[in-house]
PDB file of N, CA and C in Angstrom:
ATOM      1  N   MET A   1      72.556 156.403 160.639  1.00  0.00           N
ATOM      2  CA  MET A   1      71.240 156.830 160.205  1.00  0.00           C
ATOM      3  C   MET A   1      71.088 156.579 158.702  1.00  0.00           C
ATOM      4  N   VAL A   2      69.933 156.088 158.321  1.00  0.00           N
ATOM      5  CA  VAL A   2      69.649 155.794 156.924  1.00  0.00           C
ATOM      6  C   VAL A   2      69.009 157.020 156.282  1.00  0.00           C
ATOM      7  N   SER A   3      69.406 157.312 155.070  1.00  0.00           N
ATOM      8  CA  SER A   3      68.913 158.491 154.367  1.00  0.00           C
ATOM      9  C   SER A   3      67.460 158.311 153.938  1.00  0.00           C
ATOM     10  N   LYS A   4      66.738 159.424 153.884  1.00  0.00           N
ATOM     11  CA  LYS A   4      65.370 159.435 153.375  1.00  0.00           C
ATOM     12  C   LYS A   4      65.318 159.864 151.916  1.00  0.00           C
ATOM     13  N   GLN A   5      66.448 160.350 151.406  1.00  0.00           N
ATOM     14  CA  GLN A   5      66.452 160.897 150.055  1.00  0.00           C
ATOM     15  C   GLN A   5      66.164 159.814 149.017  1.00  0.00           C
ATOM     16  N   PRO A   6      65.178 160.045 148.143  1.00  0.00           N
ATOM     17  CA  PRO A   6      64.843 159.048 147.131  1.00  0.00           C
ATOM     18  C   PRO A   6      66.024 158.648 146.261  1.00  0.00           C
ATOM     19  N   ARG A   7      66.884 159.608 145.904  1.00  0.00           N
ATOM     20  CA  ARG A   7      68.011 159.259 145.034  1.00  0.00           C
ATOM     21  C   ARG A   7      68.946 158.285 145.728  1.00  0.00           C
ATOM     22  N   LYS A   8      69.133 158.431 147.044  1.00  0.00           N
ATOM     23  CA  LYS A   8      70.015 157.520 147.779  1.00  0.00           C
ATOM     24  C   LYS A   8      69.340 156.168 147.995  1.00  0.00           C
ATOM     25  N   GLN A   9      68.012 156.172 148.137  1.00  0.00           N
ATOM     26  CA  GLN A   9      67.278 154.917 148.245  1.00  0.00           C
ATOM     27  C   GLN A   9      67.400 154.127 146.937  1.00  0.00           C
ATOM     28  N   ARG A  10      67.243 154.820 145.797  1.00  0.00           N
ATOM     29  CA  ARG A  10      67.371 154.161 144.493  1.00  0.00           C
ATOM     30  C   ARG A  10      68.784 153.653 144.275  1.00  0.00           C
ATOM     31  N   LYS A  11      69.775 154.452 144.677  1.00  0.00           N
ATOM     32  CA  LYS A  11      71.171 154.056 144.504  1.00  0.00           C
ATOM     33  C   LYS A  11      71.489 152.824 145.338  1.00  0.00           C
ATOM     34  N   ALA A  12      70.995 152.778 146.573  1.00  0.00           N
ATOM     35  CA  ALA A  12      71.240 151.625 147.442  1.00  0.00           C
ATOM     36  C   ALA A  12      70.609 150.371 146.848  1.00  0.00           C
ATOM     37  N   ARG A  13      69.426 150.523 146.291  1.00  0.00           N
ATOM     38  CA  ARG A  13      68.746 149.383 145.676  1.00  0.00           C
ATOM     39  C   ARG A  13      69.487 148.902 144.431  1.00  0.00           C
ATOM     40  N   TYR A  14      69.969 149.843 143.630  1.00  0.00           N
ATOM     41  CA  TYR A  14      70.679 149.520 142.399  1.00  0.00           C
ATOM     42  C   TYR A  14      72.017 148.849 142.686  1.00  0.00           C
ATOM     43  N   ASN A  15      72.709 149.290 143.720  1.00  0.00           N
ATOM     44  CA  ASN A  15      74.036 148.772 144.048  1.00  0.00           C
ATOM     45  C   ASN A  15      74.012 147.626 145.053  1.00  0.00           C
ATOM     46  N   ALA A  16      72.837 147.161 145.432  1.00  0.00           N
ATOM     47  CA  ALA A  16      72.728 146.120 146.455  1.00  0.00           C
ATOM     48  C   ALA A  16      73.303 144.797 145.951  1.00  0.00           C
ATOM     49  N   PRO A  17      73.945 144.023 146.848  1.00  0.00           N
ATOM     50  CA  PRO A  17      74.419 142.696 146.467  1.00  0.00           C
ATOM     51  C   PRO A  17      73.242 141.734 146.276  1.00  0.00           C
ATOM     52  N   LEU A  18      73.504 140.599 145.631  1.00  0.00           N
ATOM     53  CA  LEU A  18      72.425 139.680 145.261  1.00  0.00           C
ATOM     54  C   LEU A  18      71.678 139.125 146.466  1.00  0.00           C
ATOM     55  N   HIS A  19      72.364 138.895 147.598  1.00  0.00           N
ATOM     56  CA  HIS A  19      71.659 138.329 148.750  1.00  0.00           C
ATOM     57  C   HIS A  19      70.693 139.342 149.364  1.00  0.00           C
ATOM     58  N   ILE A  20      70.913 140.619 149.128  1.00  0.00           N
ATOM     59  CA  ILE A  20      69.960 141.639 149.566  1.00  0.00           C
ATOM     60  C   ILE A  20      68.853 141.795 148.522  1.00  0.00           C
ATOM     61  N   ARG A  21      69.200 141.682 147.242  1.00  0.00           N
ATOM     62  CA  ARG A  21      68.200 141.812 146.177  1.00  0.00           C
ATOM     63  C   ARG A  21      67.144 140.714 146.250  1.00  0.00           C
ATOM     64  N   GLN A  22      67.481 139.584 146.848  1.00  0.00           N
ATOM     65  CA  GLN A  22      66.504 138.504 146.997  1.00  0.00           C
ATOM     66  C   GLN A  22      65.288 138.989 147.789  1.00  0.00           C
ATOM     67  N   LYS A  23      65.513 139.891 148.728  1.00  0.00           N
ATOM     68  CA  LYS A  23      64.413 140.417 149.539  1.00  0.00           C
ATOM     69  C   LYS A  23      63.464 141.281 148.715  1.00  0.00           C
ATOM     70  N   TYR A  24      63.954 141.837 147.602  1.00  0.00           N
ATOM     71  CA  TYR A  24      63.110 142.665 146.745  1.00  0.00           C
ATOM     72  C   TYR A  24      62.226 141.819 145.826  1.00  0.00           C
ATOM     73  N   MET A  25      62.416 140.503 145.821  1.00  0.00           N
ATOM     74  CA  MET A  25      61.695 139.621 144.904  1.00  0.00           C
ATOM     75  C   MET A  25      60.434 139.037 145.548  1.00  0.00           C
ATOM     76  N   ALA A  26      59.871 139.724 146.522  1.00  0.00           N
ATOM     77  CA  ALA A  26      58.683 139.228 147.212  1.00  0.00           C
ATOM     78  C   ALA A  26      57.421 139.650 146.471  1.00  0.00           C
ATOM     79  N   ALA A  27      56.395 138.803 146.570  1.00  0.00           N
ATOM     80  CA  ALA A  27      55.098 139.091 145.966  1.00  0.00           C
ATOM     81  C   ALA A  27      54.013 138.768 146.987  1.00  0.00           C
ATOM     82  N   PRO A  28      52.878 139.448 146.913  1.00  0.00           N
ATOM     83  CA  PRO A  28      51.794 139.156 147.854  1.00  0.00           C
ATOM     84  C   PRO A  28      51.238 137.753 147.641  1.00  0.00           C
ATOM     85  N   LEU A  29      50.732 137.172 148.714  1.00  0.00           N
ATOM     86  CA  LEU A  29      50.135 135.842 148.662  1.00  0.00           C
ATOM     87  C   LEU A  29      48.626 135.956 148.486  1.00  0.00           C
ATOM     88  N   SER A  30      48.013 134.909 147.938  1.00  0.00           N
ATOM     89  CA  SER A  30      46.561 134.881 147.780  1.00  0.00           C
ATOM     90  C   SER A  30      45.906 134.776 149.153  1.00  0.00           C
ATOM     91  N   LYS A  31      44.610 135.014 149.201  1.00  0.00           N
ATOM     92  CA  LYS A  31      43.893 135.005 150.482  1.00  0.00           C
ATOM     93  C   LYS A  31      43.990 133.649 151.174  1.00  0.00           C
ATOM     94  N   GLU A  32      43.979 132.562 150.403  1.00  0.00           N
ATOM     95  CA  GLU A  32      44.062 131.226 150.995  1.00  0.00           C
ATOM     96  C   GLU A  32      45.422 131.010 151.660  1.00  0.00           C
ATOM     97  N   LEU A  33      46.492 131.449 150.999  1.00  0.00           N
ATOM     98  CA  LEU A  33      47.844 131.257 151.532  1.00  0.00           C
ATOM     99  C   LEU A  33      48.178 132.264 152.623  1.00  0.00           C
ATOM    100  N   ARG A  34      47.542 133.416 152.588  1.00  0.00           N
ATOM    101  CA  ARG A  34      47.872 134.492 153.521  1.00  0.00           C
ATOM    102  C   ARG A  34      47.608 134.097 154.968  1.00  0.00           C
ATOM    103  N   GLY A  35      46.556 133.346 155.206  1.00  0.00           N
ATOM    104  CA  GLY A  35      46.248 132.926 156.572  1.00  0.00           C
ATOM    105  C   GLY A  35      47.298 131.999 157.152  1.00  0.00           C
ATOM    106  N   LYS A  36      47.941 131.219 156.287  1.00  0.00           N
ATOM    107  CA  LYS A  36      48.914 130.230 156.761  1.00  0.00           C
ATOM    108  C   LYS A  36      50.345 130.752 156.764  1.00  0.00           C
ATOM    109  N   TYR A  37      50.707 131.565 155.758  1.00  0.00           N
ATOM    110  CA  TYR A  37      52.109 131.947 155.582  1.00  0.00           C
ATOM    111  C   TYR A  37      52.401 133.438 155.739  1.00  0.00           C
ATOM    112  N   GLY A  38      51.389 134.257 155.997  1.00  0.00           N
ATOM    113  CA  GLY A  38      51.640 135.685 156.131  1.00  0.00           C
ATOM    114  C   GLY A  38      51.269 136.441 154.869  1.00  0.00           C
ATOM    115  N   ARG A  39      51.699 137.679 154.790  1.00  0.00           N
ATOM    116  CA  ARG A  39      51.253 138.571 153.730  1.00  0.00           C
ATOM    117  C   ARG A  39      51.958 138.348 152.400  1.00  0.00           C
ATOM    118  N   SER A  40      53.280 138.099 152.422  1.00  0.00           N
ATOM    119  CA  SER A  40      54.029 137.961 151.176  1.00  0.00           C
ATOM    120  C   SER A  40      55.134 136.926 151.330  1.00  0.00           C
ATOM    121  N   ALA A  41      55.703 136.529 150.200  1.00  0.00           N
ATOM    122  CA  ALA A  41      56.801 135.559 150.187  1.00  0.00           C
ATOM    123  C   ALA A  41      57.664 135.829 148.965  1.00  0.00           C
ATOM    124  N   SER A  42      58.921 135.406 149.032  1.00  0.00           N
ATOM    125  CA  SER A  42      59.805 135.542 147.881  1.00  0.00           C
ATOM    126  C   SER A  42      59.368 134.584 146.780  1.00  0.00           C
ATOM    127  N   VAL A  43      59.411 135.057 145.559  1.00  0.00           N
ATOM    128  CA  VAL A  43      59.033 134.240 144.410  1.00  0.00           C
ATOM    129  C   VAL A  43      60.215 133.360 144.026  1.00  0.00           C
ATOM    130  N   ILE A  44      59.951 132.072 143.756  1.00  0.00           N
ATOM    131  CA  ILE A  44      60.978 131.179 143.239  1.00  0.00           C
ATOM    132  C   ILE A  44      60.433 130.489 141.987  1.00  0.00           C
ATOM    133  N   ILE A  45      61.322 129.857 141.240  1.00  0.00           N
ATOM    134  CA  ILE A  45      60.920 129.130 140.041  1.00  0.00           C
ATOM    135  C   ILE A  45      60.019 127.968 140.455  1.00  0.00           C
ATOM    136  N   GLY A  46      58.881 127.837 139.792  1.00  0.00           N
ATOM    137  CA  GLY A  46      57.934 126.778 140.097  1.00  0.00           C
ATOM    138  C   GLY A  46      56.683 127.267 140.803  1.00  0.00           C
ATOM    139  N   ASP A  47      56.717 128.445 141.401  1.00  0.00           N
ATOM    140  CA  ASP A  47      55.517 129.012 142.017  1.00  0.00           C
ATOM    141  C   ASP A  47      54.489 129.309 140.929  1.00  0.00           C
ATOM    142  N   THR A  48      53.206 129.166 141.272  1.00  0.00           N
ATOM    143  CA  THR A  48      52.136 129.553 140.364  1.00  0.00           C
ATOM    144  C   THR A  48      51.658 130.939 140.763  1.00  0.00           C
ATOM    145  N   VAL A  49      51.601 131.834 139.785  1.00  0.00           N
ATOM    146  CA  VAL A  49      51.233 133.221 140.062  1.00  0.00           C
ATOM    147  C   VAL A  49      50.143 133.688 139.105  1.00  0.00           C
ATOM    148  N   VAL A  50      49.449 134.745 139.503  1.00  0.00           N
ATOM    149  CA  VAL A  50      48.484 135.429 138.649  1.00  0.00           C
ATOM    150  C   VAL A  50      48.985 136.848 138.463  1.00  0.00           C
ATOM    151  N   VAL A  51      49.053 137.300 137.212  1.00  0.00           N
ATOM    152  CA  VAL A  51      49.474 138.669 136.927  1.00  0.00           C
ATOM    153  C   VAL A  51      48.312 139.593 137.281  1.00  0.00           C
ATOM    154  N   MET A  52      48.595 140.611 138.101  1.00  0.00           N
ATOM    155  CA  MET A  52      47.547 141.503 138.592  1.00  0.00           C
ATOM    156  C   MET A  52      47.511 142.845 137.862  1.00  0.00           C
ATOM    157  N   ARG A  53      48.614 143.247 137.259  1.00  0.00           N
ATOM    158  CA  ARG A  53      48.707 144.565 136.644  1.00  0.00           C
ATOM    159  C   ARG A  53      49.263 144.457 135.227  1.00  0.00           C
ATOM    160  N   GLY A  54      48.947 145.439 134.405  1.00  0.00           N
ATOM    161  CA  GLY A  54      49.520 145.522 133.071  1.00  0.00           C
ATOM    162  C   GLY A  54      48.661 144.881 131.999  1.00  0.00           C
ATOM    163  N   ASP A  55      49.227 144.762 130.808  1.00  0.00           N
ATOM    164  CA  ASP A  55      48.508 144.216 129.658  1.00  0.00           C
ATOM    165  C   ASP A  55      48.139 142.754 129.843  1.00  0.00           C
ATOM    166  N   HIS A  56      48.908 142.025 130.647  1.00  0.00           N
ATOM    167  CA  HIS A  56      48.685 140.593 130.834  1.00  0.00           C
ATOM    168  C   HIS A  56      47.939 140.292 132.128  1.00  0.00           C
ATOM    169  N   ALA A  57      47.243 141.262 132.685  1.00  0.00           N
ATOM    170  CA  ALA A  57      46.518 141.081 133.943  1.00  0.00           C
ATOM    171  C   ALA A  57      45.519 139.941 133.807  1.00  0.00           C
ATOM    172  N   GLY A  58      45.475 139.080 134.813  1.00  0.00           N
ATOM    173  CA  GLY A  58      44.579 137.932 134.804  1.00  0.00           C
ATOM    174  C   GLY A  58      45.221 136.659 134.307  1.00  0.00           C
ATOM    175  N   THR A  59      46.394 136.742 133.710  1.00  0.00           N
ATOM    176  CA  THR A  59      47.084 135.561 133.203  1.00  0.00           C
ATOM    177  C   THR A  59      47.656 134.763 134.362  1.00  0.00           C
ATOM    178  N   LYS A  60      47.398 133.451 134.344  1.00  0.00           N
ATOM    179  CA  LYS A  60      47.894 132.567 135.394  1.00  0.00           C
ATOM    180  C   LYS A  60      48.952 131.651 134.795  1.00  0.00           C
ATOM    181  N   GLY A  61      50.037 131.432 135.517  1.00  0.00           N
ATOM    182  CA  GLY A  61      51.085 130.558 135.015  1.00  0.00           C
ATOM    183  C   GLY A  61      52.172 130.327 136.037  1.00  0.00           C
ATOM    184  N   LYS A  62      53.058 129.395 135.706  1.00  0.00           N
ATOM    185  CA  LYS A  62      54.189 129.094 136.582  1.00  0.00           C
ATOM    186  C   LYS A  62      55.339 130.045 136.287  1.00  0.00           C
ATOM    187  N   VAL A  63      56.141 130.305 137.323  1.00  0.00           N
ATOM    188  CA  VAL A  63      57.329 131.133 137.158  1.00  0.00           C
ATOM    189  C   VAL A  63      58.393 130.275 136.487  1.00  0.00           C
ATOM    190  N   GLU A  64      58.866 130.698 135.319  1.00  0.00           N
ATOM    191  CA  GLU A  64      59.862 129.938 134.562  1.00  0.00           C
ATOM    192  C   GLU A  64      61.278 130.388 134.855  1.00  0.00           C
ATOM    193  N   ALA A  65      61.470 131.671 135.119  1.00  0.00           N
ATOM    194  CA  ALA A  65      62.812 132.207 135.360  1.00  0.00           C
ATOM    195  C   ALA A  65      62.689 133.459 136.199  1.00  0.00           C
ATOM    196  N   LEU A  66      63.786 133.803 136.866  1.00  0.00           N
ATOM    197  CA  LEU A  66      63.839 135.071 137.574  1.00  0.00           C
ATOM    198  C   LEU A  66      65.240 135.635 137.503  1.00  0.00           C
ATOM    199  N   SER A  67      65.317 136.943 137.538  1.00  0.00           N
ATOM    200  CA  SER A  67      66.593 137.636 137.441  1.00  0.00           C
ATOM    201  C   SER A  67      66.727 138.589 138.614  1.00  0.00           C
ATOM    202  N   LEU A  68      67.704 138.321 139.475  1.00  0.00           N
ATOM    203  CA  LEU A  68      67.953 139.227 140.590  1.00  0.00           C
ATOM    204  C   LEU A  68      68.581 140.518 140.095  1.00  0.00           C
ATOM    205  N   LYS A  69      69.317 140.444 139.003  1.00  0.00           N
ATOM    206  CA  LYS A  69      69.983 141.630 138.470  1.00  0.00           C
ATOM    207  C   LYS A  69      68.969 142.678 138.023  1.00  0.00           C
ATOM    208  N   SER A  70      67.960 142.246 137.277  1.00  0.00           N
ATOM    209  CA  SER A  70      66.954 143.195 136.809  1.00  0.00           C
ATOM    210  C   SER A  70      65.738 143.248 137.725  1.00  0.00           C
ATOM    211  N   GLY A  71      65.642 142.318 138.686  1.00  0.00           N
ATOM    212  CA  GLY A  71      64.527 142.313 139.624  1.00  0.00           C
ATOM    213  C   GLY A  71      63.214 141.906 138.996  1.00  0.00           C
ATOM    214  N   THR A  72      63.272 141.015 137.978  1.00  0.00           N
ATOM    215  CA  THR A  72      62.069 140.616 137.265  1.00  0.00           C
ATOM    216  C   THR A  72      61.905 139.100 137.260  1.00  0.00           C
ATOM    217  N   ILE A  73      60.686 138.660 136.932  1.00  0.00           N
ATOM    218  CA  ILE A  73      60.393 137.239 136.776  1.00  0.00           C
ATOM    219  C   ILE A  73      59.793 137.019 135.391  1.00  0.00           C
ATOM    220  N   VAL A  74      59.858 135.763 134.921  1.00  0.00           N
ATOM    221  CA  VAL A  74      59.245 135.373 133.654  1.00  0.00           C
ATOM    222  C   VAL A  74      58.174 134.342 133.978  1.00  0.00           C
ATOM    223  N   VAL A  75      56.946 134.604 133.535  1.00  0.00           N
ATOM    224  CA  VAL A  75      55.807 133.729 133.787  1.00  0.00           C
ATOM    225  C   VAL A  75      55.417 133.068 132.478  1.00  0.00           C
ATOM    226  N   GLU A  76      55.137 131.750 132.529  1.00  0.00           N
ATOM    227  CA  GLU A  76      54.730 131.064 131.304  1.00  0.00           C
ATOM    228  C   GLU A  76      53.393 131.625 130.816  1.00  0.00           C
ATOM    229  N   GLY A  77      53.299 131.812 129.517  1.00  0.00           N
ATOM    230  CA  GLY A  77      52.088 132.370 128.935  1.00  0.00           C
ATOM    231  C   GLY A  77      52.100 133.883 128.824  1.00  0.00           C
ATOM    232  N   VAL A  78      53.124 134.520 129.375  1.00  0.00           N
ATOM    233  CA  VAL A  78      53.233 135.978 129.277  1.00  0.00           C
ATOM    234  C   VAL A  78      54.371 136.289 128.317  1.00  0.00           C
ATOM    235  N   SER A  79      54.013 136.649 127.092  1.00  0.00           N
ATOM    236  CA  SER A  79      55.030 136.924 126.084  1.00  0.00           C
ATOM    237  C   SER A  79      54.520 137.992 125.128  1.00  0.00           C
ATOM    238  N   VAL A  80      55.441 138.545 124.372  1.00  0.00           N
ATOM    239  CA  VAL A  80      55.102 139.512 123.331  1.00  0.00           C
ATOM    240  C   VAL A  80      55.677 138.994 122.021  1.00  0.00           C
ATOM    241  N   SER A  81      55.043 139.356 120.921  1.00  0.00           N
ATOM    242  CA  SER A  81      55.543 138.904 119.627  1.00  0.00           C
ATOM    243  C   SER A  81      56.383 140.001 118.995  1.00  0.00           C
ATOM    244  N   LYS A  82      57.502 139.579 118.428  1.00  0.00           N
ATOM    245  CA  LYS A  82      58.381 140.504 117.730  1.00  0.00           C
ATOM    246  C   LYS A  82      57.851 140.728 116.318  1.00  0.00           C
ATOM    247  N   VAL A  83      58.467 141.631 115.610  1.00  0.00           N
ATOM    248  CA  VAL A  83      58.018 141.964 114.259  1.00  0.00           C
ATOM    249  C   VAL A  83      58.117 140.757 113.337  1.00  0.00           C
ATOM    250  N   ASP A  84      59.142 139.909 113.540  1.00  0.00           N
ATOM    251  CA  ASP A  84      59.295 138.733 112.677  1.00  0.00           C
ATOM    252  C   ASP A  84      58.390 137.573 113.094  1.00  0.00           C
ATOM    253  N   GLY A  85      57.571 137.755 114.131  1.00  0.00           N
ATOM    254  CA  GLY A  85      56.605 136.738 114.523  1.00  0.00           C
ATOM    255  C   GLY A  85      57.028 135.854 115.676  1.00  0.00           C
ATOM    256  N   THR A  86      58.278 135.913 116.085  1.00  0.00           N
ATOM    257  CA  THR A  86      58.720 135.066 117.197  1.00  0.00           C
ATOM    258  C   THR A  86      58.213 135.632 118.521  1.00  0.00           C
ATOM    259  N   GLU A  87      57.914 134.724 119.437  1.00  0.00           N
ATOM    260  CA  GLU A  87      57.434 135.101 120.767  1.00  0.00           C
ATOM    261  C   GLU A  87      58.614 135.176 121.725  1.00  0.00           C
ATOM    262  N   VAL A  88      58.684 136.254 122.486  1.00  0.00           N
ATOM    263  CA  VAL A  88      59.726 136.399 123.507  1.00  0.00           C
ATOM    264  C   VAL A  88      59.050 136.638 124.852  1.00  0.00           C
ATOM    265  N   PRO A  89      59.609 136.066 125.931  1.00  0.00           N
ATOM    266  CA  PRO A  89      58.991 136.249 127.246  1.00  0.00           C
ATOM    267  C   PRO A  89      59.036 137.708 127.687  1.00  0.00           C
ATOM    268  N   ARG A  90      57.988 138.126 128.372  1.00  0.00           N
ATOM    269  CA  ARG A  90      57.884 139.500 128.858  1.00  0.00           C
ATOM    270  C   ARG A  90      58.201 139.508 130.350  1.00  0.00           C
ATOM    271  N   PRO A  91      59.321 140.111 130.770  1.00  0.00           N
ATOM    272  CA  PRO A  91      59.652 140.163 132.199  1.00  0.00           C
ATOM    273  C   PRO A  91      58.639 141.017 132.969  1.00  0.00           C
ATOM    274  N   ILE A  92      58.342 140.586 134.200  1.00  0.00           N
ATOM    275  CA  ILE A  92      57.365 141.272 135.045  1.00  0.00           C
ATOM    276  C   ILE A  92      57.991 141.490 136.414  1.00  0.00           C
ATOM    277  N   TYR A  93      57.686 142.608 137.038  1.00  0.00           N
ATOM    278  CA  TYR A  93      58.142 142.843 138.409  1.00  0.00           C
ATOM    279  C   TYR A  93      57.299 142.005 139.369  1.00  0.00           C
ATOM    280  N   PRO A  94      57.926 141.400 140.386  1.00  0.00           N
ATOM    281  CA  PRO A  94      57.193 140.535 141.316  1.00  0.00           C
ATOM    282  C   PRO A  94      56.060 141.248 142.052  1.00  0.00           C
ATOM    283  N   SER A  95      56.164 142.555 142.231  1.00  0.00           N
ATOM    284  CA  SER A  95      55.108 143.286 142.934  1.00  0.00           C
ATOM    285  C   SER A  95      53.809 143.314 142.134  1.00  0.00           C
ATOM    286  N   ASN A  96      53.880 142.996 140.842  1.00  0.00           N
ATOM    287  CA  ASN A  96      52.696 143.035 139.987  1.00  0.00           C
ATOM    288  C   ASN A  96      52.027 141.678 139.824  1.00  0.00           C
ATOM    289  N   VAL A  97      52.456 140.685 140.593  1.00  0.00           N
ATOM    290  CA  VAL A  97      51.830 139.368 140.547  1.00  0.00           C
ATOM    291  C   VAL A  97      51.363 138.984 141.948  1.00  0.00           C
ATOM    292  N   MET A  98      50.513 137.958 142.010  1.00  0.00           N
ATOM    293  CA  MET A  98      50.073 137.401 143.285  1.00  0.00           C
ATOM    294  C   MET A  98      50.341 135.902 143.255  1.00  0.00           C
ATOM    295  N   ILE A  99      50.977 135.386 144.285  1.00  0.00           N
ATOM    296  CA  ILE A  99      51.292 133.962 144.354  1.00  0.00           C
ATOM    297  C   ILE A  99      50.031 133.205 144.751  1.00  0.00           C
ATOM    298  N   THR A 100      49.654 132.192 143.940  1.00  0.00           N
ATOM    299  CA  THR A 100      48.471 131.393 144.240  1.00  0.00           C
ATOM    300  C   THR A 100      48.822 130.017 144.779  1.00  0.00           C
ATOM    301  N   SER A 101      49.995 129.478 144.405  1.00  0.00           N
ATOM    302  CA  SER A 101      50.458 128.228 145.016  1.00  0.00           C
ATOM    303  C   SER A 101      51.973 128.250 145.087  1.00  0.00           C
ATOM    304  N   LEU A 102      52.487 127.730 146.184  1.00  0.00           N
ATOM    305  CA  LEU A 102      53.917 127.776 146.467  1.00  0.00           C
ATOM    306  C   LEU A 102      54.590 126.466 146.096  1.00  0.00           C
ATOM    307  N   GLU A 103      55.793 126.544 145.567  1.00  0.00           N
ATOM    308  CA  GLU A 103      56.632 125.369 145.302  1.00  0.00           C
ATOM    309  C   GLU A 103      57.289 124.988 146.627  1.00  0.00           C
ATOM    310  N   MET A 104      56.933 123.815 147.166  1.00  0.00           N
ATOM    311  CA  MET A 104      57.399 123.437 148.503  1.00  0.00           C
ATOM    312  C   MET A 104      58.341 122.237 148.478  1.00  0.00           C
ATOM    313  N   ASN A 105      59.183 122.102 147.445  1.00  0.00           N
ATOM    314  CA  ASN A 105      60.136 120.994 147.381  1.00  0.00           C
ATOM    315  C   ASN A 105      61.366 121.237 148.233  1.00  0.00           C
ATOM    316  N   ASP A 106      61.556 122.457 148.707  1.00  0.00           N
ATOM    317  CA  ASP A 106      62.755 122.830 149.443  1.00  0.00           C
ATOM    318  C   ASP A 106      62.453 122.894 150.939  1.00  0.00           C
ATOM    319  N   LYS A 107      63.169 122.104 151.731  1.00  0.00           N
ATOM    320  CA  LYS A 107      62.971 122.086 153.188  1.00  0.00           C
ATOM    321  C   LYS A 107      63.286 123.452 153.792  1.00  0.00           C
ATOM    322  N   ARG A 108      64.304 124.105 153.241  1.00  0.00           N
ATOM    323  CA  ARG A 108      64.705 125.408 153.774  1.00  0.00           C
ATOM    324  C   ARG A 108      63.597 126.445 153.566  1.00  0.00           C
ATOM    325  N   ARG A 109      62.948 126.388 152.418  1.00  0.00           N
ATOM    326  CA  ARG A 109      61.856 127.327 152.164  1.00  0.00           C
ATOM    327  C   ARG A 109      60.682 127.066 153.095  1.00  0.00           C
ATOM    328  N   GLU A 110      60.400 125.790 153.361  1.00  0.00           N
ATOM    329  CA  GLU A 110      59.324 125.458 154.292  1.00  0.00           C
ATOM    330  C   GLU A 110      59.579 126.065 155.659  1.00  0.00           C
ATOM    331  N   SER A 111      60.833 125.960 156.126  1.00  0.00           N
ATOM    332  CA  SER A 111      61.154 126.507 157.440  1.00  0.00           C
ATOM    333  C   SER A 111      61.069 128.035 157.438  1.00  0.00           C
ATOM    334  N   ILE A 112      61.475 128.666 156.332  1.00  0.00           N
ATOM    335  CA  ILE A 112      61.401 130.127 156.239  1.00  0.00           C
ATOM    336  C   ILE A 112      59.942 130.587 156.265  1.00  0.00           C
ATOM    337  N   LEU A 113      59.080 129.901 155.516  1.00  0.00           N
ATOM    338  CA  LEU A 113      57.676 130.294 155.468  1.00  0.00           C
ATOM    339  C   LEU A 113      56.965 130.017 156.788  1.00  0.00           C
ATOM    340  N   SER A 114      57.303 128.909 157.439  1.00  0.00           N
ATOM    341  CA  SER A 114      56.656 128.604 158.717  1.00  0.00           C
ATOM    342  C   SER A 114      57.127 129.546 159.816  1.00  0.00           C
ATOM    343  N   ARG A 115      58.314 130.106 159.650  1.00  0.00           N
ATOM    344  CA  ARG A 115      58.843 131.064 160.621  1.00  0.00           C
ATOM    345  C   ARG A 115      57.996 132.335 160.637  1.00  0.00           C
ATOM    346  N   GLY A 116      57.422 132.674 159.479  1.00  0.00           N
ATOM    347  CA  GLY A 116      56.616 133.882 159.384  1.00  0.00           C
ATOM    348  C   GLY A 116      55.341 133.817 160.193  1.00  0.00           C
ATOM    349  N   ARG A 117      54.846 132.630 160.436  1.00  0.00           N
ATOM    350  CA  ARG A 117      53.587 132.462 161.178  1.00  0.00           C
ATOM    351  C   ARG A 117      53.778 131.604 162.388  1.00  0.00           C
TER     352      ARG A 117
END
């Protein structure tokens, strides 16, 4: 039996191995993609996304990097400036973006997405 306790849910998520953390990197799909591929998909580098929440809401860009360890993605054009003036990328949780176009160079990803529908 799986626990309902929030602390145990958080602990399981924090201690999860990387192949399980990949499942936490899903983001909702746009209305155009939703009819073909389902409700959500895992974000990969090269996908085009729109930020839906936060200070950068409405910003559109490609995914430049992702971190399974922290569960975040880096989107081009989403950055903050440091005190010395340099720009650093601002990590975003995948749940706060919407995928508008999918990177389909990988045959395995195509089969995974087509399996959903």
